[in-house]
Amino acid sequence: MNSLLFHCPTTERPVKTGIAIDMAALRKLQPVTVRLICPHCYNAHEWKLTEGLLGDSRAGMAPTLEAWSPCPR
């Protein structure tokens, strides 16, 4: 399994979400939107899980999901 990654649109740095997934499972995901505060630029971003990228599960790209903060509505 690989890590699900997104890119911060401000810094373009990859962000490891802490979600381990493979390509078959990624293709089956519903288009759920994730809205979180980015640990790199501290702005709120929205992504669909299906827009994520698969990264190397051993990559040391911090921060993980624990560093994310949910966005207030």
Protein backbone atom coordinates (compact mmCIF):
# COMPACT_ATOMS: atom_id res chain seq x y z
CA MET A 1 0.00 0.00 0.00
CA ASN A 2 1.09 3.53 -0.70
CA SER A 3 0.38 6.83 0.99
CA LEU A 4 -2.31 9.13 -0.37
CA LEU A 5 -0.77 12.54 -1.07
CA PHE A 6 -2.05 15.94 -2.10
CA HIS A 7 -0.14 18.99 -3.21
CA CYS A 8 -0.57 22.30 -1.43
CA PRO A 9 -1.74 24.71 -4.17
CA THR A 10 0.16 27.56 -2.52
CA THR A 11 3.54 25.97 -1.83
CA GLU A 12 3.18 22.99 -4.22
CA ARG A 13 4.72 20.83 -1.52
CA PRO A 14 3.44 17.26 -1.21
CA VAL A 15 1.41 16.52 1.88
CA LYS A 16 1.17 13.00 3.24
CA THR A 17 -2.36 12.42 4.54
CA GLY A 18 -1.71 9.37 6.69
CA ILE A 19 -4.09 7.33 4.50
CA ALA A 20 -2.61 4.11 3.10
CA ILE A 21 -4.31 2.97 -0.11
CA ASP A 22 -3.62 1.09 -3.32
CA MET A 23 -4.61 2.01 -6.89
CA ALA A 24 -7.53 -0.43 -7.02
CA ALA A 25 -9.07 1.03 -3.86
CA LEU A 26 -8.39 4.61 -5.02
CA ARG A 27 -10.33 3.95 -8.21
CA LYS A 28 -13.33 2.70 -6.21
CA LEU A 29 -13.54 5.70 -3.86
CA GLN A 30 -16.56 7.96 -3.93
CA PRO A 31 -15.77 11.60 -4.74
CA VAL A 32 -15.68 12.63 -1.08
CA THR A 33 -14.35 16.15 -0.50
CA VAL A 34 -11.80 16.72 2.25
CA ARG A 35 -11.45 20.25 3.61
CA LEU A 36 -8.51 20.82 5.92
CA ILE A 37 -6.05 23.44 7.10
CA CYS A 38 -2.77 22.87 5.29
CA PRO A 39 0.25 22.35 7.58
CA HIS A 40 2.52 24.06 5.03
CA CYS A 41 0.74 27.35 4.30
CA TYR A 42 -1.94 27.28 7.03
CA ASN A 43 -4.73 28.00 4.52
CA ALA A 44 -7.88 25.93 4.06
CA HIS A 45 -7.82 23.69 0.98
CA GLU A 46 -10.38 21.29 -0.47
CA TRP A 47 -9.57 18.13 -2.39
CA LYS A 48 -11.57 15.17 -3.56
CA LEU A 49 -10.04 11.92 -2.33
CA THR A 50 -10.10 10.68 -5.93
CA GLU A 51 -7.77 13.58 -6.89
CA GLY A 52 -5.05 12.33 -4.55
CA LEU A 53 -1.73 10.96 -5.71
CA LEU A 54 -0.11 7.73 -4.64
CA GLY A 55 3.26 8.24 -3.04
CA ASP A 56 5.95 6.00 -1.69
CA SER A 57 4.81 4.53 1.61
CA ARG A 58 8.35 4.96 2.94
CA ALA A 59 8.63 8.62 1.96
CA GLY A 60 9.41 10.85 4.89
CA MET A 61 7.07 13.61 3.84
CA ALA A 62 5.78 15.11 7.04
CA PRO A 63 3.37 16.16 8.36
CA THR A 64 0.94 13.29 8.56
CA LEU A 65 -2.80 13.43 9.12
CA GLU A 66 -2.28 14.14 12.81
CA ALA A 67 -0.78 17.53 11.88
CA TRP A 68 -3.86 18.57 9.89
CA SER A 69 -6.61 20.62 11.45
CA PRO A 70 -10.22 20.36 10.34
CA CYS A 71 -11.60 23.55 8.85
CA PRO A 72 -14.34 25.31 10.75
CA ARG A 73 -17.51 25.72 8.78
